[in-house]
Protein backbone atom coordinates (compact mmCIF):
# COMPACT_ATOMS: atom_id res chain seq x y z
CA MET A 1 -59.79 44.36 -44.90
CA SER A 2 -58.13 41.28 -43.45
CA LEU A 3 -54.42 41.23 -42.60
CA LEU A 4 -53.68 39.14 -45.69
CA GLU A 5 -55.62 41.53 -47.93
CA SER A 6 -53.71 44.47 -46.43
CA VAL A 7 -50.41 42.69 -47.14
CA VAL A 8 -51.43 42.12 -50.78
CA VAL A 9 -52.34 45.81 -51.22
CA ALA A 10 -49.13 47.06 -49.60
CA SER A 11 -46.90 44.72 -51.60
CA ALA A 12 -48.72 45.60 -54.84
CA VAL A 13 -48.14 49.32 -54.20
CA ALA A 14 -44.47 48.63 -53.44
CA LEU A 15 -44.13 46.63 -56.65
CA VAL A 16 -45.51 49.47 -58.77
CA THR A 17 -43.50 52.22 -57.09
CA ALA A 18 -40.21 50.27 -57.09
CA ARG A 19 -39.57 51.59 -60.64
CA TRP A 20 -39.34 55.11 -59.24
CA LEU A 21 -37.09 54.46 -56.25
CA PRO A 22 -33.35 55.25 -56.14
CA ARG A 23 -31.20 52.64 -57.91
CA ARG A 24 -29.90 51.02 -54.70
CA MET A 25 -33.46 50.49 -53.38
CA ARG A 26 -35.04 49.51 -56.67
CA ARG A 27 -33.86 45.91 -56.95
CA PRO A 28 -34.51 44.72 -53.36
CA THR A 29 -37.93 46.41 -53.31
CA ALA A 30 -38.96 44.92 -56.64
CA PHE A 31 -37.69 41.46 -55.69
CA SER A 32 -39.23 41.31 -52.20
CA SER A 33 -42.58 42.81 -53.26
CA SER A 34 -42.78 40.39 -56.23
CA VAL A 35 -42.29 37.43 -53.92
CA VAL A 36 -44.82 38.70 -51.38
CA VAL A 37 -47.40 39.48 -54.08
CA LEU A 38 -47.05 36.04 -55.61
CA LEU A 39 -47.22 34.10 -52.34
CA SER A 40 -49.95 36.13 -50.66
CA GLY A 41 -51.95 36.32 -53.89
CA VAL A 42 -51.90 32.53 -54.23
CA VAL A 43 -53.02 32.13 -50.61
CA LEU A 44 -55.76 34.73 -51.10
CA VAL A 45 -57.10 33.02 -54.22
CA TRP A 46 -56.87 29.60 -52.57
CA SER A 47 -58.87 30.85 -49.58
CA SER A 48 -61.65 32.32 -51.77
CA VAL A 49 -60.67 35.80 -52.82
CA ARG A 50 -63.13 38.66 -52.30
CA TRP A 51 -64.09 40.60 -55.41
CA GLN A 52 -62.59 43.78 -53.94
CA MET A 53 -59.12 42.22 -54.28
CA VAL A 54 -59.49 41.42 -57.99
CA PRO A 55 -58.43 44.91 -59.21
CA VAL A 56 -55.53 44.84 -56.72
CA LEU A 57 -54.28 41.55 -58.13
CA ALA A 58 -54.87 42.84 -61.68
CA GLY A 59 -52.76 45.94 -61.03
CA ALA A 60 -49.97 43.83 -59.56
CA ALA A 61 -50.20 41.32 -62.42
CA LEU A 62 -49.66 44.07 -65.01
CA VAL A 63 -46.41 45.16 -63.36
CA LEU A 64 -45.10 41.79 -62.23
CA PRO A 65 -43.74 40.53 -65.62
CA PHE A 66 -41.70 43.72 -66.11
CA ALA A 67 -40.34 43.61 -62.58
CA VAL A 68 -39.44 39.93 -62.83
CA ALA A 69 -37.84 40.35 -66.27
CA ALA A 70 -35.72 43.24 -65.03
CA GLU A 71 -34.65 41.23 -61.98
CA LEU A 72 -33.70 38.19 -64.08
CA ARG A 73 -31.63 40.30 -66.48
CA ALA A 74 -29.85 41.96 -63.56
CA ARG A 75 -29.05 38.59 -61.99
CA GLY A 76 -27.67 37.39 -65.32
CA GLY A 77 -25.24 40.29 -65.41
CA ARG A 78 -27.10 42.12 -68.13
CA PRO A 79 -28.42 45.67 -67.72
CA PRO A 80 -32.21 45.71 -67.09
CA ARG A 81 -34.40 47.12 -69.82
CA ARG A 82 -36.71 49.84 -68.59
CA ALA A 83 -39.42 51.76 -70.36
CA ARG A 84 -38.93 55.46 -70.89
CA TRP A 85 -40.23 57.52 -67.99
CA TRP A 86 -42.91 59.16 -70.15
CA ALA A 87 -44.34 55.71 -70.92
CA ALA A 88 -43.77 54.21 -67.47
CA LEU A 89 -45.39 57.06 -65.56
CA PRO A 90 -48.95 56.75 -66.96
CA ALA A 91 -48.70 52.95 -66.75
CA SER A 92 -47.72 53.18 -63.08
CA LEU A 93 -50.58 55.59 -62.38
CA VAL A 94 -53.08 53.24 -64.05
CA CYS A 95 -51.85 50.32 -61.95
CA LEU A 96 -51.96 52.38 -58.74
CA CYS A 97 -55.53 53.42 -59.55
CA LEU A 98 -56.49 49.78 -60.05
CA ILE A 99 -54.91 48.85 -56.73
CA ALA A 100 -56.67 51.75 -54.98
CA VAL A 101 -60.05 50.41 -56.13
CA GLY A 102 -59.61 47.43 -53.80
CA PRO A 103 -59.35 49.27 -50.46
CA ALA A 104 -62.02 51.75 -51.58
CA ALA A 105 -64.45 48.97 -52.45
CA ALA A 106 -63.61 47.07 -49.26
CA TRP A 107 -64.37 50.24 -47.27
CA ALA A 108 -67.66 50.83 -49.10
CA LEU A 109 -68.86 47.20 -48.87
CA PRO A 110 -66.99 45.63 -45.95
CA VAL A 111 -67.39 42.39 -44.10
CA PRO A 112 -69.60 43.65 -41.25
CA VAL A 113 -67.95 43.92 -37.85
CA PHE A 114 -70.55 43.85 -35.10
CA PRO A 115 -70.26 46.14 -32.07
CA ALA A 116 -69.39 44.22 -28.93
CA PRO A 117 -72.48 43.88 -26.71
CA SER A 118 -72.20 46.13 -23.65
CA GLY A 119 -74.24 44.11 -21.14
CA PRO A 120 -73.00 41.81 -18.37
CA PHE A 121 -74.01 38.59 -20.15
CA ALA A 122 -72.36 36.72 -22.98
CA VAL A 123 -74.72 35.90 -25.84
CA GLY A 124 -75.87 32.53 -27.14
CA THR A 125 -77.99 31.82 -30.19
CA SER A 126 -80.13 28.95 -31.42
CA VAL A 127 -82.38 28.34 -34.44
CA VAL A 128 -85.66 26.45 -34.36
CA GLN A 129 -88.41 25.72 -36.88
CA TRP A 130 -92.07 25.46 -35.93
CA THR A 131 -95.19 24.56 -37.93
CA ASP A 132 -98.65 25.82 -37.01
CA ALA A 133 -100.90 22.79 -37.53
CA ASP A 134 -104.00 25.00 -37.23
CA ARG A 135 -103.11 27.46 -39.98
CA PRO A 136 -102.89 26.75 -43.73
CA GLU A 137 -100.16 28.33 -45.83
CA ASP A 138 -102.01 30.93 -47.90
CA ALA A 139 -99.09 31.42 -50.30
CA THR A 140 -99.39 27.93 -51.81
CA PRO A 141 -102.30 26.06 -53.43
CA ASP A 142 -101.62 22.90 -51.40
CA GLU A 143 -104.49 22.53 -48.92
CA ASP A 144 -102.34 20.35 -46.68
CA ASP A 145 -99.51 22.86 -46.47
CA ARG A 146 -99.29 24.38 -42.99
CA ARG A 147 -97.71 27.70 -42.03
CA THR A 148 -94.06 27.18 -41.01
CA VAL A 149 -91.71 29.78 -39.53
CA VAL A 150 -88.00 29.72 -38.72
CA VAL A 151 -87.06 31.45 -35.47
CA GLN A 152 -83.65 32.48 -34.19
CA LEU A 153 -83.14 33.06 -30.47
CA TRP A 154 -80.49 35.25 -28.89
CA TYR A 155 -80.24 34.84 -25.11
CA PRO A 156 -78.06 35.55 -22.06
CA ALA A 157 -75.40 32.86 -21.91
CA ARG A 158 -72.41 31.74 -19.91
CA LYS A 159 -69.08 33.08 -21.08
CA SER A 160 -67.60 30.79 -23.73
CA PRO A 161 -63.89 30.07 -24.27
CA ALA A 162 -62.07 32.70 -26.28
CA ASP A 163 -61.60 30.26 -29.17
CA ALA A 164 -65.29 29.26 -29.32
CA GLN A 165 -66.74 29.41 -32.82
CA ARG A 166 -68.91 32.49 -33.26
CA ALA A 167 -72.21 32.23 -35.11
CA ALA A 168 -72.30 33.14 -38.78
CA TYR A 169 -74.37 36.22 -39.56
CA LEU A 170 -76.79 34.95 -42.19
CA GLY A 171 -77.30 31.27 -41.53
CA ARG A 172 -76.63 28.07 -39.68
CA THR A 173 -74.28 26.85 -42.43
CA ASP A 174 -72.06 28.42 -45.07
CA ARG A 175 -74.52 27.20 -47.69
CA GLU A 176 -77.46 28.92 -45.99
CA ALA A 177 -75.47 32.13 -45.52
CA GLY A 178 -74.59 32.19 -49.22
CA ILE A 179 -78.18 31.55 -50.29
CA VAL A 180 -79.55 34.30 -48.06
CA SER A 181 -76.85 36.77 -49.10
CA ASP A 182 -77.58 36.19 -52.79
CA ALA A 183 -81.32 36.50 -52.15
CA LEU A 184 -80.90 39.82 -50.33
CA ALA A 185 -78.79 41.19 -53.18
CA ASP A 186 -81.31 39.97 -55.73
CA TYR A 187 -84.20 41.49 -53.78
CA VAL A 188 -82.69 44.99 -54.00
CA GLY A 189 -81.43 44.50 -57.56
CA MET A 190 -77.71 44.20 -56.80
CA PRO A 191 -75.29 41.62 -58.25
CA GLY A 192 -74.79 38.96 -55.60
CA PHE A 193 -71.00 39.28 -55.54
CA LEU A 194 -71.26 42.83 -54.15
CA LEU A 195 -72.47 41.43 -50.81
CA ASP A 196 -69.93 38.63 -50.61
CA GLY A 197 -68.81 39.98 -47.24
CA LEU A 198 -72.06 38.92 -45.55
CA PRO A 199 -71.53 35.13 -45.65
CA ARG A 200 -68.05 35.70 -44.18
CA ALA A 201 -69.31 37.73 -41.21
CA ARG A 202 -69.32 36.36 -37.68
CA THR A 203 -71.35 37.73 -34.80
CA HIS A 204 -70.53 37.77 -31.07
CA ALA A 205 -73.04 35.01 -30.27
CA VAL A 206 -72.05 31.38 -29.74
CA VAL A 207 -74.33 28.69 -31.19
CA ASP A 208 -76.23 26.74 -28.51
CA ALA A 209 -74.09 28.18 -25.71
CA PRO A 210 -75.30 27.20 -22.21
CA VAL A 211 -77.78 29.67 -20.78
CA ALA A 212 -76.50 32.07 -18.11
CA ASP A 213 -76.16 30.68 -14.60
CA GLY A 214 -78.93 31.17 -12.06
CA ASN A 215 -82.61 30.47 -11.78
CA GLY A 216 -83.92 33.81 -12.98
CA ARG A 217 -86.23 34.10 -15.96
CA PHE A 218 -85.60 36.55 -18.76
CA PRO A 219 -88.18 38.82 -20.44
CA VAL A 220 -88.85 38.10 -24.11
CA VAL A 221 -88.83 40.26 -27.25
CA LEU A 222 -90.25 38.94 -30.53
CA PHE A 223 -88.95 40.55 -33.71
CA SER A 224 -90.36 40.70 -37.25
CA PRO A 225 -88.01 41.96 -40.01
CA GLY A 226 -88.88 44.27 -42.87
CA LEU A 227 -90.43 43.17 -46.14
CA GLY A 228 -87.79 41.15 -47.95
CA GLY A 229 -85.68 41.17 -44.79
CA VAL A 230 -84.49 38.17 -42.85
CA ARG A 231 -84.47 37.12 -39.21
CA THR A 232 -80.84 38.18 -38.69
CA GLN A 233 -81.16 41.69 -40.14
CA ASN A 234 -81.04 43.24 -36.64
CA SER A 235 -78.40 41.00 -35.09
CA ALA A 236 -76.47 43.90 -33.50
CA TRP A 237 -79.69 45.03 -31.78
CA ALA A 238 -80.62 41.49 -30.72
CA GLN A 239 -77.19 40.76 -29.26
CA GLU A 240 -77.18 44.01 -27.29
CA LEU A 241 -80.59 43.24 -25.77
CA ALA A 242 -79.56 39.65 -24.98
CA SER A 243 -76.41 40.86 -23.23
CA HIS A 244 -78.66 42.89 -20.91
CA GLY A 245 -80.84 39.94 -19.94
CA TYR A 246 -83.50 39.61 -22.66
CA VAL A 247 -84.37 36.68 -24.90
CA VAL A 248 -84.88 37.91 -28.47
CA ALA A 249 -86.80 35.70 -30.90
CA ALA A 250 -86.59 36.86 -34.53
CA LEU A 251 -88.76 35.36 -37.26
CA ASP A 252 -88.26 34.44 -40.87
CA HIS A 253 -91.64 34.84 -42.59
CA PRO A 254 -91.73 32.44 -45.59
CA TYR A 255 -92.78 33.90 -48.94
CA ASP A 256 -92.09 37.51 -47.96
CA SER A 257 -88.60 37.19 -46.44
CA ALA A 258 -85.95 37.33 -49.17
CA ALA A 259 -85.09 33.68 -48.58
CA VAL A 260 -85.98 31.17 -45.89
CA VAL A 261 -83.93 27.97 -45.72
CA LEU A 262 -85.93 25.22 -44.03
CA ALA A 263 -84.54 22.38 -41.93
CA ASP A 264 -84.96 19.91 -44.82
CA GLY A 265 -82.81 22.08 -47.09
CA ARG A 266 -85.61 23.62 -49.14
CA THR A 267 -85.31 27.34 -49.87
CA ILE A 268 -88.43 29.53 -50.02
CA ARG A 269 -87.93 32.80 -51.90
CA THR A 270 -90.16 35.83 -51.55
CA LYS A 271 -93.35 36.05 -53.59
CA VAL A 272 -94.00 39.68 -52.65
CA ALA A 273 -92.98 42.57 -54.88
CA ALA A 274 -94.32 46.04 -55.54
CA THR A 275 -96.76 46.27 -58.45
CA GLY A 276 -96.60 50.03 -58.94
CA ASP A 277 -100.32 50.31 -58.18
CA ALA A 278 -100.57 52.08 -54.80
CA ASP A 279 -104.03 50.73 -53.93
CA ARG A 280 -103.14 47.16 -54.85
CA ASP A 281 -99.82 47.34 -53.00
CA GLU A 282 -101.60 48.59 -49.88
CA GLU A 283 -104.09 45.70 -50.09
CA ARG A 284 -101.20 43.25 -50.22
CA ALA A 285 -99.43 45.01 -47.36
CA VAL A 286 -102.58 44.70 -45.24
CA LYS A 287 -102.74 40.98 -46.01
CA TRP A 288 -99.09 40.26 -45.24
CA THR A 289 -99.18 42.38 -42.09
CA ALA A 290 -102.06 40.27 -40.78
CA ILE A 291 -100.20 37.05 -41.62
CA ARG A 292 -97.09 38.30 -39.82
CA ALA A 293 -99.15 39.33 -36.79
CA ALA A 294 -100.55 35.80 -36.64
CA ASP A 295 -96.98 34.45 -36.93
CA LEU A 296 -95.98 36.50 -33.89
CA SER A 297 -98.86 35.12 -31.83
CA PHE A 298 -98.06 31.55 -32.90
CA VAL A 299 -94.39 31.92 -31.95
CA LEU A 300 -95.37 33.35 -28.57
CA THR A 301 -97.50 30.26 -28.00
CA GLN A 302 -94.50 28.08 -28.83
CA LEU A 303 -92.24 30.12 -26.56
CA ASN A 304 -94.70 29.54 -23.74
CA ARG A 305 -94.13 25.83 -24.25
CA VAL A 306 -90.37 26.38 -24.19
CA ALA A 307 -90.73 28.40 -20.99
CA ARG A 308 -92.64 25.52 -19.37
CA GLY A 309 -89.95 23.07 -20.46
CA GLU A 310 -92.22 21.25 -22.92
CA ILE A 311 -89.88 22.05 -25.84
CA PRO A 312 -86.18 21.41 -25.15
CA GLY A 313 -83.52 23.96 -25.96
CA PRO A 314 -80.84 26.18 -24.40
CA VAL A 315 -83.41 28.51 -22.79
CA SER A 316 -85.98 25.90 -21.87
CA GLY A 317 -87.51 26.89 -18.54
CA ARG A 318 -85.64 30.21 -18.39
CA MET A 319 -87.95 32.60 -20.25
CA ASP A 320 -90.55 34.81 -18.59
CA THR A 321 -93.37 34.84 -21.12
CA GLY A 322 -95.42 36.93 -18.72
CA ARG A 323 -93.21 39.86 -19.79
CA VAL A 324 -93.18 40.03 -23.59
CA ALA A 325 -92.73 42.77 -26.18
CA ALA A 326 -93.37 42.61 -29.93
CA ALA A 327 -90.96 44.51 -32.16
CA GLY A 328 -90.33 44.89 -35.85
CA HIS A 329 -88.77 46.97 -38.60
CA SER A 330 -90.76 48.46 -41.49
CA LEU A 331 -93.52 45.96 -42.38
CA GLY A 332 -92.44 44.01 -39.31
CA GLY A 333 -93.11 47.10 -37.19
CA ALA A 334 -96.60 47.28 -38.67
CA ALA A 335 -97.08 43.59 -37.81
CA ALA A 336 -95.92 44.22 -34.24
CA LEU A 337 -98.40 47.10 -33.86
CA GLN A 338 -101.22 44.93 -35.18
CA GLY A 339 -100.12 41.88 -33.20
CA VAL A 340 -100.33 43.56 -29.81
CA ARG A 341 -103.81 44.84 -30.58
CA GLN A 342 -104.94 41.31 -31.40
CA ASP A 343 -103.09 39.46 -28.63
CA ASP A 344 -103.17 40.81 -25.09
CA ARG A 345 -100.32 38.50 -24.05
CA PHE A 346 -97.96 41.14 -25.44
CA ASP A 347 -97.07 43.85 -22.92
CA ALA A 348 -95.35 46.43 -25.15
CA VAL A 349 -94.38 47.12 -28.76
CA ILE A 350 -91.39 48.63 -30.55
CA ASP A 351 -91.97 49.89 -34.09
CA LEU A 352 -88.75 50.62 -36.00
CA ASP A 353 -89.87 52.95 -38.78
CA GLY A 354 -92.90 50.87 -39.69
CA PHE A 355 -95.90 52.32 -41.55
CA PRO A 356 -99.12 51.00 -39.94
CA HIS A 357 -101.25 48.93 -42.31
CA ASP A 358 -104.23 48.00 -40.14
CA PRO A 359 -107.19 49.51 -42.03
CA ASP A 360 -109.33 49.79 -38.92
CA PRO A 361 -107.16 50.14 -35.80
CA THR A 362 -108.85 49.91 -32.41
CA ARG A 363 -107.85 50.89 -28.90
CA PHE A 364 -105.26 48.78 -27.12
CA PRO A 365 -103.65 48.93 -23.66
CA GLN A 366 -99.93 48.39 -24.43
CA PRO A 367 -97.33 51.18 -24.59
CA VAL A 368 -95.47 51.82 -27.84
CA LEU A 369 -92.03 53.07 -28.76
CA ALA A 370 -91.88 54.16 -32.41
CA LEU A 371 -88.52 55.13 -33.89
CA THR A 372 -88.77 57.07 -37.15
CA GLN A 373 -86.22 58.25 -39.68
CA ASP A 374 -85.29 61.86 -40.22
CA LEU A 375 -88.33 63.17 -42.07
CA ARG A 376 -87.72 64.32 -45.64
CA GLU A 377 -89.87 65.54 -48.52
CA ASP A 378 -89.86 62.13 -50.26
CA ILE A 379 -91.42 60.33 -47.28
CA ASP A 380 -95.08 59.39 -47.59
CA PRO A 381 -97.01 62.37 -46.14
CA ASP A 382 -99.54 59.95 -44.60
CA TYR A 383 -96.86 58.16 -42.57
CA ILE A 384 -96.61 60.32 -39.46
CA PRO A 385 -100.35 61.19 -39.23
CA ARG A 386 -101.24 57.51 -39.54
CA LEU A 387 -98.64 56.49 -36.97
CA ALA A 388 -99.76 59.25 -34.60
CA ARG A 389 -103.34 58.02 -34.90
CA VAL A 390 -102.32 54.50 -33.87
CA LEU A 391 -100.23 55.79 -30.96
CA SER A 392 -103.15 57.89 -29.76
CA LEU A 393 -105.22 54.70 -29.45
CA SER A 394 -102.85 53.28 -26.83
CA GLY A 395 -104.16 53.25 -23.29
CA ALA A 396 -100.61 53.78 -21.99
CA THR A 397 -98.06 56.53 -22.48
CA SER A 398 -96.33 55.96 -25.82
CA TYR A 399 -93.37 57.59 -27.55
CA ARG A 400 -92.38 58.59 -31.07
CA LEU A 401 -88.65 59.29 -31.41
CA THR A 402 -87.39 60.88 -34.64
CA VAL A 403 -83.67 60.16 -34.91
CA PRO A 404 -81.64 62.92 -36.62
CA GLY A 405 -79.60 61.73 -39.58
CA ALA A 406 -81.46 58.42 -39.75
CA ALA A 407 -82.75 56.76 -42.92
CA HIS A 408 -85.05 53.74 -43.14
CA LEU A 409 -82.19 51.22 -42.90
CA THR A 410 -80.43 53.03 -40.06
CA PHE A 411 -82.45 50.90 -37.63
CA THR A 412 -81.01 47.63 -39.00
CA ASP A 413 -77.52 46.17 -39.45
CA ALA A 414 -77.30 47.70 -42.94
CA PRO A 415 -74.97 50.58 -41.96
CA LEU A 416 -72.39 47.96 -40.96
CA TYR A 417 -72.00 46.66 -44.52
CA LEU A 418 -73.62 48.99 -47.09
CA PRO A 419 -71.95 52.09 -48.57
CA PRO A 420 -72.28 55.10 -46.26
CA VAL A 421 -74.74 56.87 -48.57
CA GLU A 422 -77.07 59.16 -46.62
CA SER A 423 -80.20 58.27 -48.60
CA ILE A 424 -79.63 54.55 -47.95
CA VAL A 425 -78.31 54.22 -44.39
CA GLY A 426 -78.42 57.77 -43.08
CA SER A 427 -75.56 59.96 -41.95
CA ARG A 428 -74.82 58.49 -38.50
CA GLY A 429 -71.87 56.35 -39.56
CA ARG A 430 -71.29 52.63 -39.41
CA THR A 431 -72.22 51.89 -35.79
CA ASP A 432 -74.15 54.84 -34.39
CA GLY A 433 -77.48 53.88 -35.95
CA PRO A 434 -77.51 50.35 -34.47
CA ARG A 435 -76.24 51.81 -31.17
CA VAL A 436 -79.05 54.39 -30.89
CA THR A 437 -81.66 51.81 -31.92
CA ALA A 438 -80.51 49.41 -29.21
CA ALA A 439 -80.10 52.09 -26.53
CA ALA A 440 -83.61 53.51 -27.05
CA SER A 441 -85.14 50.03 -27.20
CA LEU A 442 -83.35 48.92 -24.06
CA ALA A 443 -84.47 51.98 -22.10
CA PHE A 444 -88.07 51.41 -23.18
CA LEU A 445 -88.00 47.68 -22.39
CA ASN A 446 -86.45 48.25 -18.98
CA ALA A 447 -89.20 50.73 -18.16
CA THR A 448 -92.12 48.66 -19.48
CA LEU A 449 -91.14 45.03 -18.92
CA ARG A 450 -88.94 45.45 -15.84
CA GLU A 451 -90.64 48.55 -14.42
CA ARG A 452 -87.33 50.15 -13.57
CA PRO A 453 -87.77 53.67 -12.20
CA GLY A 454 -86.39 56.56 -14.17
CA ASN A 455 -87.30 59.35 -16.54
CA LEU A 456 -87.81 57.42 -19.79
CA ALA A 457 -88.72 60.56 -21.74
CA ALA A 458 -85.46 62.24 -20.75
CA VAL A 459 -83.44 59.21 -21.82
CA LEU A 460 -85.19 59.06 -25.19
CA ARG A 461 -84.83 62.81 -25.81
CA ALA A 462 -81.06 62.37 -25.69
CA HIS A 463 -81.34 60.47 -28.98
CA GLY A 464 -83.60 62.75 -31.01
CA ALA A 465 -86.86 64.67 -31.24
CA LEU A 466 -89.45 63.06 -28.96
CA THR A 467 -93.23 63.23 -29.07
CA VAL A 468 -95.00 61.76 -26.05
CA HIS A 469 -98.49 60.37 -26.63
CA SER A 470 -100.33 60.11 -23.33
CA PRO A 471 -103.87 58.76 -22.90
CA ARG A 472 -104.88 62.39 -22.32
CA GLY A 473 -103.35 63.65 -25.59
CA ASP A 474 -100.00 64.62 -27.11
CA THR A 475 -97.35 66.52 -25.14
């Protein structure tokens, strides 16, 4: 909770409990807490109150008239009228329960606070939109409609002033952040107000910050989010990689991301939803995986132009597109696996709990890091065998790391803002899932893109159960 929200809660509790204090403390406590509740409540409502504070204000509002009336009678020289204790006690308990709902709800669904990146670089971010003139948009009937993607870059930057405005989590503007937040809630069947903390969240990145000093070029990581996800869903991961000298380019895939807000203000909502027919859903997954893989290749082509200075931007001329990894979560992980097999410009791949959907995988030379959730009975029994088959087709040593206590969303920012329910976000707490995801990814990228010496398997084993897939077989 914010400082103002904490003040409202504390003053509301004081207002309710004033009735039960000794006589000499009762009046000053009731008077001061009434004033603080009124003033801070007005400021809170004026500044766009969060839904978690509504029951707090309701609890205070129920008590306030009685406290004010008693205070006015006392000031007029008349004895205050007070309810009998047997009537006041249950009323006070009801109000305290209402007030307690606020902090509990704020704890369960907080405004996400992002872990500070641990690398030596500050982090900048920039959003671009690119259209592939050679590829039609299959999701629309318009033959002239071309495939358009929105890409957000996180990159090593110069240190910004302490008062520099930090980038919003879900969009370039408050309007975009609100649209995306509502779309994410709608996608999972939640009322939009429950995620009202997301549009308020700020990351550690600074918009369009100057790139880090020097002439060095930074390796590149392309990222594809999960089905219904959005480009910013792994911002903690992206910022951590950028702080260690990587450029991360995350894609919004129109028509299967929850919502994509284009530069002209149009919003494209997802057209993909489960049908309940396993065979039909798999056919659609195969189709969208192929489209996403093509998106990754197109964005890499555009990044090559940025690297050559043909497209202006904060990192123009500072990316090393000769050292590139494809990464993704869930369906995005499947797209990354398929993308590297179709495009040899990629040097490595990170699959964050993604089920492969390529119906006919072939051999490929790039190494793979696959992070999987803690395996449970309700997980598709074909998942691990299918993933192991793909990893066995790699011509380089690849790794499957099963993270204890992880669920499917552990590998995203979701633990930072969703209720800590094990089946949803795992049991690793608010920040440990994003931390492990970033640490394992960073170790793998340093070994594959920067060829830093070290025992990669030993580093990965510190985070969970590791299976090493070598070209000669599993170990």
